[in-house]
Structures are given as C-alpha cells and as structure tokens.
C-alpha cells in the first residue's frame, strides 16, 4: 500500500500545505511518494525529497506543467495512478481544482476535506459548516482524498532523504492555456500559514477604518490580516482576506476577531485556532461562544489601546 501526495509548489520551493498532506498520507499507512509536476522544478523536487517520511519523489517536468493547469496536472497524476492505493491533494484552490478530475477519470468517489485518518479506508470530515463530523468509509480500490491542512500537523521539511525519480511529462491536453496572473504583493505572512491573524468585520464601517484600525495591530504582532465575508462583501477588504466557509480555513496560534459577530460560516473557518480573542460591543455576539478571551468593548477604542499596550 503506497500513497501519492500531489505537491503544491512554485517550481522553486514546496508550499506548506504539502507538508500537512504528507502527514495525512503517513497516517494512511505504507510508503509515501510525492509528485512534483512543474517546469524547471528541480529545486522543488529536491525540497520535496527532504520532507521527513517521504520515500520517493517523482519529478515530471514540462512547459505544459509550469502553471499547474488542472487538465494537465490531472493527466500527469493519472499517468502514474496505477501504482497507488491513496492519492492525496491539499484542500486548497489548486488541489480542489485537480482532485475531482482525477476521481472522475478513475471512476471513484472523492473523499473531501478530511481532518483525521481513522484507518486506511476510513476518514473524518466536517459537514454542516463544521457543526458535525462525518465518518466516511471508502470501499474504492483507489482513494482520492483532499486534506484540510489545518487538521494535520506539518511534516518536518528537513531530515528526509528520498530518491528523486524522473517521469515523462504527460502531453498538453490542449483544453486550457495560461494567459496571465496578477500576483498581489504582500509583506505579511500568508493567511493560511500565519501563526497570528487579526480579522476585522462589518462593524469597522469602511475600508479606510478597516486599514486604520487593523493594520497597526497586525504590524505590532507581525500578523496576517483577515476579514469576515460581510466586510469583504461591503468592500472593506479584498476577497483574498476572507476567512470562513466560503473563504480560507485557518488555524493559527492566535486569532483576534474585531467587530465580527461570528456567523456560523465565519466560525467554520477559524474555530480550530489555538487561542481566540474576540472584541465586540454586543455581549450576545456568537463569536463569544468560541472565544477563549472576550472583550465587550467598542473596537475603535479597544484596538488602539491594545496597540499602545503592545
């Protein structure tokens, strides 16, 4: 029994979500191999070989794999899928784009967003916005799985010594092409990997106030900035800052929620945080039900005072 982890990378280095997915793969039992499909991605393959617990890295290199187009990556996975009992993807935008294609072509059911491996064929995953946990058993010969990275500790990025094997790159599907990308430049930690996150809600009232109140706190703590869907929908913060069921799922060491009432969809995205601090002037706000520390106060007063104290 061997598991295959589909690495998420930028052709130069391995992204953190891959490390969590390796941990999930190790829990399935057997050997763990990692597929690095990219273009001029030898450095990423070498980094994958260093991950603790990985016994082999398969490196497929081709221009058609440069940008992780789902059709081409899926074809690459399918080319080697016959050797594996479990195929695991991080439950990121990229992983969720490729995994269903692989499952459909293999004619198996996908097991999505797992947070725990019970056994080689049984997994736990959240449903109903995280209010219930389903135990799912798959009888398929091959398990195609997406892994909620916040449910698993990251494997050590160093200490491994896996062999790197070269595989022929699958041909370009011709079904899609890469046109361009607009990459937002940000000096802050990536939201899903940040140890500390400060999030603002609709109560901030405007994008100006959002930046004026939240940025100094984030700067003091070296934190990433998040936002509720209500704040994003109102235009106070960009879409890529959204935390919640329809945004990013996070589990930092410290999560500070300012002016966020705590709708069930938001809680689904952050309630696994180690320590949750809520600042809200409404004592009945649902956010207080999951908070480790709650401050019933006006955020426009409390947050600047907190920044001063820090």
C-alpha atoms as a PDB file:
ATOM      1  CA  UNK A   1       0.000   0.000   0.000  1.00  0.00           C
ATOM      2  CA  UNK A   2       1.558   3.253  -1.165  1.00  0.00           C
ATOM      3  CA  UNK A   3       0.197   6.814  -1.054  1.00  0.00           C
ATOM      4  CA  UNK A   4       0.882   9.584  -3.542  1.00  0.00           C
ATOM      5  CA  UNK A   5       0.865  13.221  -2.412  1.00  0.00           C
ATOM      6  CA  UNK A   6       0.441  15.844  -5.114  1.00  0.00           C
ATOM      7  CA  UNK A   7       2.838  18.615  -4.145  1.00  0.00           C
ATOM      8  CA  UNK A   8       1.815  22.241  -4.255  1.00  0.00           C
ATOM      9  CA  UNK A   9       4.815  24.336  -5.272  1.00  0.00           C
ATOM     10  CA  UNK A  10       6.015  27.367  -7.212  1.00  0.00           C
ATOM     11  CA  UNK A  11       8.641  25.439  -9.227  1.00  0.00           C
ATOM     12  CA  UNK A  12      11.308  26.586  -6.764  1.00  0.00           C
ATOM     13  CA  UNK A  13      10.031  25.568  -3.336  1.00  0.00           C
ATOM     14  CA  UNK A  14       7.348  23.419  -1.739  1.00  0.00           C
ATOM     15  CA  UNK A  15       4.335  25.171  -0.206  1.00  0.00           C
ATOM     16  CA  UNK A  16       3.398  24.496   3.401  1.00  0.00           C
ATOM     17  CA  UNK A  17       0.105  22.757   2.565  1.00  0.00           C
ATOM     18  CA  UNK A  18       2.112  19.874   1.082  1.00  0.00           C
ATOM     19  CA  UNK A  19       3.717  19.178   4.466  1.00  0.00           C
ATOM     20  CA  UNK A  20       0.349  18.762   6.187  1.00  0.00           C
ATOM     21  CA  UNK A  21      -0.816  16.485   3.374  1.00  0.00           C
ATOM     22  CA  UNK A  22       2.266  14.286   3.816  1.00  0.00           C
ATOM     23  CA  UNK A  23       1.317  13.829   7.476  1.00  0.00           C
ATOM     24  CA  UNK A  24      -2.157  12.672   6.424  1.00  0.00           C
ATOM     25  CA  UNK A  25      -0.618  10.287   3.875  1.00  0.00           C
ATOM     26  CA  UNK A  26       1.673   8.787   6.517  1.00  0.00           C
ATOM     27  CA  UNK A  27      -1.378   8.141   8.704  1.00  0.00           C
ATOM     28  CA  UNK A  28      -2.884   6.055   5.879  1.00  0.00           C
ATOM     29  CA  UNK A  29      -0.014   3.576   6.267  1.00  0.00           C
ATOM     30  CA  UNK A  30       2.593   2.336   3.832  1.00  0.00           C
ATOM     31  CA  UNK A  31       5.129   4.326   1.852  1.00  0.00           C
ATOM     32  CA  UNK A  32       4.579   7.929   0.815  1.00  0.00           C
ATOM     33  CA  UNK A  33       5.630   9.246  -2.582  1.00  0.00           C
ATOM     34  CA  UNK A  34       5.368  12.872  -3.703  1.00  0.00           C
ATOM     35  CA  UNK A  35       4.644  14.042  -7.247  1.00  0.00           C
ATOM     36  CA  UNK A  36       6.246  17.337  -8.256  1.00  0.00           C
ATOM     37  CA  UNK A  37       4.754  18.288 -11.627  1.00  0.00           C
ATOM     38  CA  UNK A  38       6.125  21.567 -12.955  1.00  0.00           C
ATOM     39  CA  UNK A  39       8.583  23.275 -15.265  1.00  0.00           C
ATOM     40  CA  UNK A  40      12.248  23.734 -14.322  1.00  0.00           C
ATOM     41  CA  UNK A  41      11.143  22.479 -10.919  1.00  0.00           C
ATOM     42  CA  UNK A  42      14.262  20.555  -9.917  1.00  0.00           C
ATOM     43  CA  UNK A  43      14.658  22.769  -6.836  1.00  0.00           C
ATOM     44  CA  UNK A  44      11.096  21.979  -5.724  1.00  0.00           C
ATOM     45  CA  UNK A  45      11.711  18.260  -6.262  1.00  0.00           C
ATOM     46  CA  UNK A  46      14.903  18.458  -4.196  1.00  0.00           C
ATOM     47  CA  UNK A  47      12.982  20.234  -1.429  1.00  0.00           C
ATOM     48  CA  UNK A  48      10.282  17.537  -1.531  1.00  0.00           C
ATOM     49  CA  UNK A  49      12.978  14.875  -1.126  1.00  0.00           C
ATOM     50  CA  UNK A  50      13.963  16.493   2.179  1.00  0.00           C
ATOM     51  CA  UNK A  51      10.482  16.099   3.710  1.00  0.00           C
ATOM     52  CA  UNK A  52      10.540  13.656   6.617  1.00  0.00           C
ATOM     53  CA  UNK A  53       8.630  10.453   5.900  1.00  0.00           C
ATOM     54  CA  UNK A  54       8.754  10.670   2.099  1.00  0.00           C
ATOM     55  CA  UNK A  55      10.370   7.629   0.466  1.00  0.00           C
ATOM     56  CA  UNK A  56      10.321   8.740  -3.179  1.00  0.00           C
ATOM     57  CA  UNK A  57       9.797  11.926  -5.210  1.00  0.00           C
ATOM     58  CA  UNK A  58       8.517  11.675  -8.770  1.00  0.00           C
ATOM     59  CA  UNK A  59       9.528  14.687 -10.806  1.00  0.00           C
ATOM     60  CA  UNK A  60       7.650  15.370 -14.037  1.00  0.00           C
ATOM     61  CA  UNK A  61       8.941  18.385 -15.938  1.00  0.00           C
ATOM     62  CA  UNK A  62       7.399  20.108 -18.924  1.00  0.00           C
ATOM     63  CA  UNK A  63       6.358  23.564 -20.097  1.00  0.00           C
ATOM     64  CA  UNK A  64       2.714  22.439 -20.052  1.00  0.00           C
ATOM     65  CA  UNK A  65       3.020  21.870 -16.279  1.00  0.00           C
ATOM     66  CA  UNK A  66       4.544  25.265 -15.493  1.00  0.00           C
ATOM     67  CA  UNK A  67       1.390  26.895 -14.141  1.00  0.00           C
ATOM     68  CA  UNK A  68      -0.428  23.934 -12.630  1.00  0.00           C
ATOM     69  CA  UNK A  69      -3.273  23.869 -15.159  1.00  0.00           C
ATOM     70  CA  UNK A  70      -5.778  21.374 -13.799  1.00  0.00           C
ATOM     71  CA  UNK A  71      -6.233  19.397 -17.024  1.00  0.00           C
ATOM     72  CA  UNK A  72      -2.508  18.824 -17.450  1.00  0.00           C
ATOM     73  CA  UNK A  73      -1.746  18.073 -13.804  1.00  0.00           C
ATOM     74  CA  UNK A  74      -4.677  15.629 -13.670  1.00  0.00           C
ATOM     75  CA  UNK A  75      -3.311  13.839 -16.757  1.00  0.00           C
ATOM     76  CA  UNK A  76       0.082  13.605 -15.069  1.00  0.00           C
ATOM     77  CA  UNK A  77      -1.445  12.110 -11.922  1.00  0.00           C
ATOM     78  CA  UNK A  78      -3.476   9.617 -13.960  1.00  0.00           C
ATOM     79  CA  UNK A  79      -0.343   8.524 -15.831  1.00  0.00           C
ATOM     80  CA  UNK A  80       1.123   7.109 -12.613  1.00  0.00           C
ATOM     81  CA  UNK A  81      -2.050   6.495 -10.566  1.00  0.00           C
ATOM     82  CA  UNK A  82      -1.953   2.740 -11.164  1.00  0.00           C
ATOM     83  CA  UNK A  83       0.852   2.360  -8.620  1.00  0.00           C
ATOM     84  CA  UNK A  84      -1.039   3.883  -5.681  1.00  0.00           C
ATOM     85  CA  UNK A  85      -3.825   2.998  -3.252  1.00  0.00           C
ATOM     86  CA  UNK A  86      -4.262   6.576  -1.975  1.00  0.00           C
ATOM     87  CA  UNK A  87      -3.885   9.842  -3.912  1.00  0.00           C
ATOM     88  CA  UNK A  88      -3.916  12.901  -1.676  1.00  0.00           C
ATOM     89  CA  UNK A  89      -4.189  16.585  -2.510  1.00  0.00           C
ATOM     90  CA  UNK A  90      -4.174  19.602  -0.168  1.00  0.00           C
ATOM     91  CA  UNK A  91      -7.718  21.018   0.029  1.00  0.00           C
ATOM     92  CA  UNK A  92      -6.523  24.304  -1.457  1.00  0.00           C
ATOM     93  CA  UNK A  93      -7.825  26.077  -4.553  1.00  0.00           C
ATOM     94  CA  UNK A  94      -5.280  24.160  -6.624  1.00  0.00           C
ATOM     95  CA  UNK A  95      -5.916  20.766  -5.049  1.00  0.00           C
ATOM     96  CA  UNK A  96      -9.686  21.138  -5.252  1.00  0.00           C
ATOM     97  CA  UNK A  97      -9.320  22.002  -8.935  1.00  0.00           C
ATOM     98  CA  UNK A  98      -7.397  18.847  -9.845  1.00  0.00           C
ATOM     99  CA  UNK A  99      -8.680  16.151  -7.465  1.00  0.00           C
ATOM    100  CA  UNK A 100     -12.258  15.837  -8.849  1.00  0.00           C
ATOM    101  CA  UNK A 101     -10.887  15.355 -12.368  1.00  0.00           C
ATOM    102  CA  UNK A 102      -8.680  12.519 -11.159  1.00  0.00           C
ATOM    103  CA  UNK A 103     -11.510  10.894  -9.183  1.00  0.00           C
ATOM    104  CA  UNK A 104     -13.883  11.109 -12.148  1.00  0.00           C
ATOM    105  CA  UNK A 105     -11.365   9.581 -14.565  1.00  0.00           C
ATOM    106  CA  UNK A 106     -10.649   6.763 -12.095  1.00  0.00           C
ATOM    107  CA  UNK A 107     -14.410   6.316 -11.579  1.00  0.00           C
ATOM    108  CA  UNK A 108     -14.139   6.532  -7.788  1.00  0.00           C
ATOM    109  CA  UNK A 109     -15.786   8.712  -5.180  1.00  0.00           C
ATOM    110  CA  UNK A 110     -13.692  11.561  -3.823  1.00  0.00           C
ATOM    111  CA  UNK A 111     -13.273  11.853  -0.054  1.00  0.00           C
ATOM    112  CA  UNK A 112     -13.133  15.600   0.534  1.00  0.00           C
ATOM    113  CA  UNK A 113     -11.663  17.810   3.211  1.00  0.00           C
ATOM    114  CA  UNK A 114     -10.569  15.123   5.662  1.00  0.00           C
ATOM    115  CA  UNK A 115      -9.414  16.199   9.120  1.00  0.00           C
ATOM    116  CA  UNK A 116      -8.482  12.774  10.509  1.00  0.00           C
ATOM    117  CA  UNK A 117      -7.391   9.376   9.223  1.00  0.00           C
ATOM    118  CA  UNK A 118      -9.131   6.676  11.270  1.00  0.00           C
ATOM    119  CA  UNK A 119      -7.756   3.808   9.176  1.00  0.00           C
ATOM    120  CA  UNK A 120      -6.612   3.192   5.623  1.00  0.00           C
ATOM    121  CA  UNK A 121     -10.208   3.292   4.344  1.00  0.00           C
ATOM    122  CA  UNK A 122     -11.967   5.423   6.969  1.00  0.00           C
ATOM    123  CA  UNK A 123     -11.719   9.162   7.448  1.00  0.00           C
ATOM    124  CA  UNK A 124     -13.339  12.036   9.321  1.00  0.00           C
ATOM    125  CA  UNK A 125     -14.507  15.223   7.622  1.00  0.00           C
ATOM    126  CA  UNK A 126     -16.543  18.221   8.813  1.00  0.00           C
ATOM    127  CA  UNK A 127     -20.065  18.785   7.476  1.00  0.00           C
ATOM    128  CA  UNK A 128     -22.753  21.409   8.142  1.00  0.00           C
ATOM    129  CA  UNK A 129     -20.168  24.205   8.383  1.00  0.00           C
ATOM    130  CA  UNK A 130     -18.150  22.197  10.871  1.00  0.00           C
ATOM    131  CA  UNK A 131     -21.040  21.605  13.275  1.00  0.00           C
ATOM    132  CA  UNK A 132     -20.942  17.858  12.718  1.00  0.00           C
ATOM    133  CA  UNK A 133     -18.151  15.432  11.891  1.00  0.00           C
ATOM    134  CA  UNK A 134     -18.912  12.669   9.392  1.00  0.00           C
ATOM    135  CA  UNK A 135     -17.005   9.393   9.464  1.00  0.00           C
ATOM    136  CA  UNK A 136     -16.638   8.232   5.869  1.00  0.00           C
ATOM    137  CA  UNK A 137     -15.560   4.776   4.745  1.00  0.00           C
ATOM    138  CA  UNK A 138     -14.451   4.274   1.149  1.00  0.00           C
ATOM    139  CA  UNK A 139     -14.565   0.836  -0.474  1.00  0.00           C
ATOM    140  CA  UNK A 140     -12.942   2.076  -3.676  1.00  0.00           C
ATOM    141  CA  UNK A 141      -9.690   0.361  -4.638  1.00  0.00           C
ATOM    142  CA  UNK A 142      -8.101   3.798  -5.023  1.00  0.00           C
ATOM    143  CA  UNK A 143      -8.894   6.589  -2.603  1.00  0.00           C
ATOM    144  CA  UNK A 144      -8.785  10.125  -3.994  1.00  0.00           C
ATOM    145  CA  UNK A 145      -8.618  12.449  -0.998  1.00  0.00           C
ATOM    146  CA  UNK A 146      -8.379  16.162  -0.305  1.00  0.00           C
ATOM    147  CA  UNK A 147      -6.846  17.096   3.041  1.00  0.00           C
ATOM    148  CA  UNK A 148      -7.915  20.028   5.203  1.00  0.00           C
ATOM    149  CA  UNK A 149      -4.450  21.167   6.131  1.00  0.00           C
ATOM    150  CA  UNK A 150      -5.473  22.677   9.476  1.00  0.00           C
ATOM    151  CA  UNK A 151      -6.445  19.176  10.637  1.00  0.00           C
ATOM    152  CA  UNK A 152      -2.884  17.813  10.445  1.00  0.00           C
ATOM    153  CA  UNK A 153       0.477  18.929  11.787  1.00  0.00           C
ATOM    154  CA  UNK A 154       3.063  19.789   9.156  1.00  0.00           C
ATOM    155  CA  UNK A 155       5.668  17.134   8.439  1.00  0.00           C
ATOM    156  CA  UNK A 156       9.255  18.246   9.030  1.00  0.00           C
ATOM    157  CA  UNK A 157      10.566  19.992   5.914  1.00  0.00           C
ATOM    158  CA  UNK A 158      14.061  18.629   6.500  1.00  0.00           C
ATOM    159  CA  UNK A 159      15.512  15.350   7.657  1.00  0.00           C
ATOM    160  CA  UNK A 160      14.312  13.169   4.803  1.00  0.00           C
ATOM    161  CA  UNK A 161      16.468  11.688   2.051  1.00  0.00           C
ATOM    162  CA  UNK A 162      14.067  10.413  -0.605  1.00  0.00           C
ATOM    163  CA  UNK A 163      15.232   9.363  -4.040  1.00  0.00           C
ATOM    164  CA  UNK A 164      14.133  11.629  -6.901  1.00  0.00           C
ATOM    165  CA  UNK A 165      12.858   9.746  -9.936  1.00  0.00           C
ATOM    166  CA  UNK A 166      12.130  11.424 -13.263  1.00  0.00           C
ATOM    167  CA  UNK A 167       8.842  10.653 -15.005  1.00  0.00           C
ATOM    168  CA  UNK A 168       7.847  11.537 -18.548  1.00  0.00           C
ATOM    169  CA  UNK A 169       5.616  14.608 -18.609  1.00  0.00           C
ATOM    170  CA  UNK A 170       2.065  13.990 -19.833  1.00  0.00           C
ATOM    171  CA  UNK A 171       1.212  15.677 -23.113  1.00  0.00           C
ATOM    172  CA  UNK A 172      -0.545  19.047 -23.127  1.00  0.00           C
ATOM    173  CA  UNK A 173      -4.292  18.448 -23.101  1.00  0.00           C
ATOM    174  CA  UNK A 174      -4.888  21.480 -25.295  1.00  0.00           C
ATOM    175  CA  UNK A 175      -8.055  22.220 -23.319  1.00  0.00           C
ATOM    176  CA  UNK A 176      -6.768  25.260 -21.471  1.00  0.00           C
ATOM    177  CA  UNK A 177      -3.887  27.692 -21.651  1.00  0.00           C
ATOM    178  CA  UNK A 178      -2.243  30.059 -19.217  1.00  0.00           C
ATOM    179  CA  UNK A 179      -2.910  33.690 -20.102  1.00  0.00           C
ATOM    180  CA  UNK A 180      -1.505  35.590 -17.143  1.00  0.00           C
ATOM    181  CA  UNK A 181      -1.715  36.230 -13.427  1.00  0.00           C
ATOM    182  CA  UNK A 182      -1.914  39.214 -11.143  1.00  0.00           C
ATOM    183  CA  UNK A 183       0.014  38.463  -8.002  1.00  0.00           C
ATOM    184  CA  UNK A 184      -0.741  40.674  -5.016  1.00  0.00           C
ATOM    185  CA  UNK A 185       2.494  41.769  -3.326  1.00  0.00           C
ATOM    186  CA  UNK A 186       2.239  41.376   0.416  1.00  0.00           C
ATOM    187  CA  UNK A 187       4.916  41.629   3.091  1.00  0.00           C
ATOM    188  CA  UNK A 188       2.660  39.896   5.609  1.00  0.00           C
ATOM    189  CA  UNK A 189       2.561  36.155   6.249  1.00  0.00           C
ATOM    190  CA  UNK A 190       0.258  34.145   4.003  1.00  0.00           C
ATOM    191  CA  UNK A 191      -3.157  33.889   5.661  1.00  0.00           C
ATOM    192  CA  UNK A 192      -3.362  30.088   5.737  1.00  0.00           C
ATOM    193  CA  UNK A 193       0.193  29.723   7.096  1.00  0.00           C
ATOM    194  CA  UNK A 194       0.237  32.621   9.602  1.00  0.00           C
ATOM    195  CA  UNK A 195       0.816  31.955  13.302  1.00  0.00           C
ATOM    196  CA  UNK A 196      -1.164  35.100  14.237  1.00  0.00           C
ATOM    197  CA  UNK A 197      -4.186  36.528  12.416  1.00  0.00           C
ATOM    198  CA  UNK A 198      -6.141  39.689  13.178  1.00  0.00           C
ATOM    199  CA  UNK A 199      -9.525  39.840  11.460  1.00  0.00           C
ATOM    200  CA  UNK A 200     -11.969  42.686  11.051  1.00  0.00           C
ATOM    201  CA  UNK A 201     -15.709  42.618  10.454  1.00  0.00           C
ATOM    202  CA  UNK A 202     -18.503  44.757   9.114  1.00  0.00           C
ATOM    203  CA  UNK A 203     -18.534  46.857  12.298  1.00  0.00           C
ATOM    204  CA  UNK A 204     -15.429  48.680  11.036  1.00  0.00           C
ATOM    205  CA  UNK A 205     -17.729  50.590   8.680  1.00  0.00           C
ATOM    206  CA  UNK A 206     -15.389  51.421   5.770  1.00  0.00           C
ATOM    207  CA  UNK A 207     -12.204  50.298   4.043  1.00  0.00           C
ATOM    208  CA  UNK A 208     -10.432  53.368   5.454  1.00  0.00           C
ATOM    209  CA  UNK A 209     -11.387  52.456   9.014  1.00  0.00           C
ATOM    210  CA  UNK A 210     -10.548  48.806   8.357  1.00  0.00           C
ATOM    211  CA  UNK A 211      -6.985  49.745   7.385  1.00  0.00           C
ATOM    212  CA  UNK A 212      -6.667  52.439  10.047  1.00  0.00           C
ATOM    213  CA  UNK A 213      -7.681  50.105  12.900  1.00  0.00           C
ATOM    214  CA  UNK A 214      -6.429  46.670  11.810  1.00  0.00           C
ATOM    215  CA  UNK A 215      -3.073  47.498  10.173  1.00  0.00           C
ATOM    216  CA  UNK A 216      -1.302  48.887  13.288  1.00  0.00           C
ATOM    217  CA  UNK A 217      -2.374  45.830  15.300  1.00  0.00           C
ATOM    218  CA  UNK A 218      -1.149  43.466  12.598  1.00  0.00           C
ATOM    219  CA  UNK A 219       2.126  45.379  12.356  1.00  0.00           C
ATOM    220  CA  UNK A 220       2.697  45.153  16.113  1.00  0.00           C
ATOM    221  CA  UNK A 221       2.037  41.417  16.199  1.00  0.00           C
ATOM    222  CA  UNK A 222       3.666  40.504  12.877  1.00  0.00           C
ATOM    223  CA  UNK A 223       0.281  39.085  11.950  1.00  0.00           C
ATOM    224  CA  UNK A 224      -1.662  38.355   8.785  1.00  0.00           C
ATOM    225  CA  UNK A 225      -4.881  40.302   8.240  1.00  0.00           C
ATOM    226  CA  UNK A 226      -8.200  38.527   7.700  1.00  0.00           C
ATOM    227  CA  UNK A 227     -11.778  39.654   7.244  1.00  0.00           C
ATOM    228  CA  UNK A 228     -15.288  38.330   7.584  1.00  0.00           C
ATOM    229  CA  UNK A 229     -17.388  37.768   4.482  1.00  0.00           C
ATOM    230  CA  UNK A 230     -19.594  40.705   5.487  1.00  0.00           C
ATOM    231  CA  UNK A 231     -16.559  43.003   5.477  1.00  0.00           C
ATOM    232  CA  UNK A 232     -15.411  41.651   2.106  1.00  0.00           C
ATOM    233  CA  UNK A 233     -18.886  41.944   0.561  1.00  0.00           C
ATOM    234  CA  UNK A 234     -19.108  45.529   1.792  1.00  0.00           C
ATOM    235  CA  UNK A 235     -15.811  46.316   0.063  1.00  0.00           C
ATOM    236  CA  UNK A 236     -13.836  46.987   3.244  1.00  0.00           C
ATOM    237  CA  UNK A 237     -11.244  44.294   2.465  1.00  0.00           C
ATOM    238  CA  UNK A 238     -10.144  42.359  -0.631  1.00  0.00           C
ATOM    239  CA  UNK A 239     -11.589  38.922  -1.355  1.00  0.00           C
ATOM    240  CA  UNK A 240      -8.337  37.062  -0.664  1.00  0.00           C
ATOM    241  CA  UNK A 241      -8.505  38.096   3.009  1.00  0.00           C
ATOM    242  CA  UNK A 242     -11.830  36.357   3.618  1.00  0.00           C
ATOM    243  CA  UNK A 243     -11.859  33.786   6.410  1.00  0.00           C
ATOM    244  CA  UNK A 244     -14.741  31.346   6.604  1.00  0.00           C
ATOM    245  CA  UNK A 245     -16.612  28.539   4.946  1.00  0.00           C
ATOM    246  CA  UNK A 246     -16.502  30.264   1.556  1.00  0.00           C
ATOM    247  CA  UNK A 247     -13.093  31.834   2.213  1.00  0.00           C
ATOM    248  CA  UNK A 248      -9.943  30.438   3.781  1.00  0.00           C
ATOM    249  CA  UNK A 249      -9.832  27.875   6.569  1.00  0.00           C
ATOM    250  CA  UNK A 250      -7.240  28.900   9.150  1.00  0.00           C
ATOM    251  CA  UNK A 251      -5.953  27.569  12.458  1.00  0.00           C
ATOM    252  CA  UNK A 252      -3.297  29.968  13.780  1.00  0.00           C
ATOM    253  CA  UNK A 253      -1.846  30.033  17.285  1.00  0.00           C
ATOM    254  CA  UNK A 254      -3.710  33.312  17.919  1.00  0.00           C
ATOM    255  CA  UNK A 255      -6.818  34.648  16.176  1.00  0.00           C
ATOM    256  CA  UNK A 256      -8.092  38.110  17.093  1.00  0.00           C
ATOM    257  CA  UNK A 257     -11.592  38.938  15.817  1.00  0.00           C
ATOM    258  CA  UNK A 258     -12.538  42.619  15.989  1.00  0.00           C
ATOM    259  CA  UNK A 259     -16.101  43.655  15.160  1.00  0.00           C
ATOM    260  CA  UNK A 260     -17.013  40.174  13.901  1.00  0.00           C
ATOM    261  CA  UNK A 261     -20.327  38.871  15.201  1.00  0.00           C
ATOM    262  CA  UNK A 262     -19.439  35.245  14.481  1.00  0.00           C
ATOM    263  CA  UNK A 263     -21.851  33.932  11.864  1.00  0.00           C
ATOM    264  CA  UNK A 264     -21.691  30.151  11.543  1.00  0.00           C
ATOM    265  CA  UNK A 265     -19.931  30.444   8.179  1.00  0.00           C
ATOM    266  CA  UNK A 266     -17.126  32.512   9.726  1.00  0.00           C
ATOM    267  CA  UNK A 267     -16.752  30.205  12.718  1.00  0.00           C
ATOM    268  CA  UNK A 268     -16.333  27.254  10.340  1.00  0.00           C
ATOM    269  CA  UNK A 269     -13.177  28.889   9.015  1.00  0.00           C
ATOM    270  CA  UNK A 270     -11.391  29.763  12.268  1.00  0.00           C
ATOM    271  CA  UNK A 271     -12.761  27.882  15.266  1.00  0.00           C
ATOM    272  CA  UNK A 272      -9.805  25.459  15.266  1.00  0.00           C
ATOM    273  CA  UNK A 273      -7.463  28.348  16.163  1.00  0.00           C
ATOM    274  CA  UNK A 274      -5.468  27.595  19.308  1.00  0.00           C
ATOM    275  CA  UNK A 275      -6.415  30.850  21.100  1.00  0.00           C
ATOM    276  CA  UNK A 276      -9.334  33.039  20.003  1.00  0.00           C
ATOM    277  CA  UNK A 277      -9.735  36.619  21.210  1.00  0.00           C
ATOM    278  CA  UNK A 278     -12.996  38.423  20.415  1.00  0.00           C
ATOM    279  CA  UNK A 279     -13.600  42.170  20.657  1.00  0.00           C
ATOM    280  CA  UNK A 280     -17.255  43.134  20.201  1.00  0.00           C
ATOM    281  CA  UNK A 281     -19.627  45.559  21.873  1.00  0.00           C
ATOM    282  CA  UNK A 282     -22.567  43.129  21.560  1.00  0.00           C
ATOM    283  CA  UNK A 283     -22.495  40.751  24.552  1.00  0.00           C
ATOM    284  CA  UNK A 284     -24.778  38.341  22.652  1.00  0.00           C
ATOM    285  CA  UNK A 285     -22.454  38.030  19.643  1.00  0.00           C
ATOM    286  CA  UNK A 286     -21.995  34.329  18.742  1.00  0.00           C
ATOM    287  CA  UNK A 287     -18.226  34.845  18.422  1.00  0.00           C
ATOM    288  CA  UNK A 288     -18.019  34.857  22.227  1.00  0.00           C
ATOM    289  CA  UNK A 289     -19.213  31.224  22.289  1.00  0.00           C
ATOM    290  CA  UNK A 290     -15.940  30.050  20.724  1.00  0.00           C
ATOM    291  CA  UNK A 291     -13.637  32.724  22.153  1.00  0.00           C
ATOM    292  CA  UNK A 292     -11.043  31.887  24.809  1.00  0.00           C
ATOM    293  CA  UNK A 293     -10.932  35.584  25.730  1.00  0.00           C
ATOM    294  CA  UNK A 294     -13.770  38.005  25.103  1.00  0.00           C
ATOM    295  CA  UNK A 295     -13.713  41.778  25.460  1.00  0.00           C
ATOM    296  CA  UNK A 296     -17.076  43.530  25.411  1.00  0.00           C
ATOM    297  CA  UNK A 297     -15.967  46.921  24.142  1.00  0.00           C
ATOM    298  CA  UNK A 298     -16.048  49.356  21.244  1.00  0.00           C
ATOM    299  CA  UNK A 299     -13.322  48.152  18.878  1.00  0.00           C
ATOM    300  CA  UNK A 300     -12.481  51.735  17.836  1.00  0.00           C
ATOM    301  CA  UNK A 301     -11.376  52.338  21.433  1.00  0.00           C
ATOM    302  CA  UNK A 302     -10.155  48.895  22.422  1.00  0.00           C
ATOM    303  CA  UNK A 303      -7.926  48.074  19.440  1.00  0.00           C
ATOM    304  CA  UNK A 304      -5.862  51.316  19.547  1.00  0.00           C
ATOM    305  CA  UNK A 305      -5.469  50.828  23.301  1.00  0.00           C
ATOM    306  CA  UNK A 306      -4.279  47.273  22.673  1.00  0.00           C
ATOM    307  CA  UNK A 307      -1.759  48.544  20.106  1.00  0.00           C
ATOM    308  CA  UNK A 308      -0.463  51.097  22.626  1.00  0.00           C
ATOM    309  CA  UNK A 309      -0.143  48.432  25.304  1.00  0.00           C
ATOM    310  CA  UNK A 310       1.847  46.220  22.958  1.00  0.00           C
END
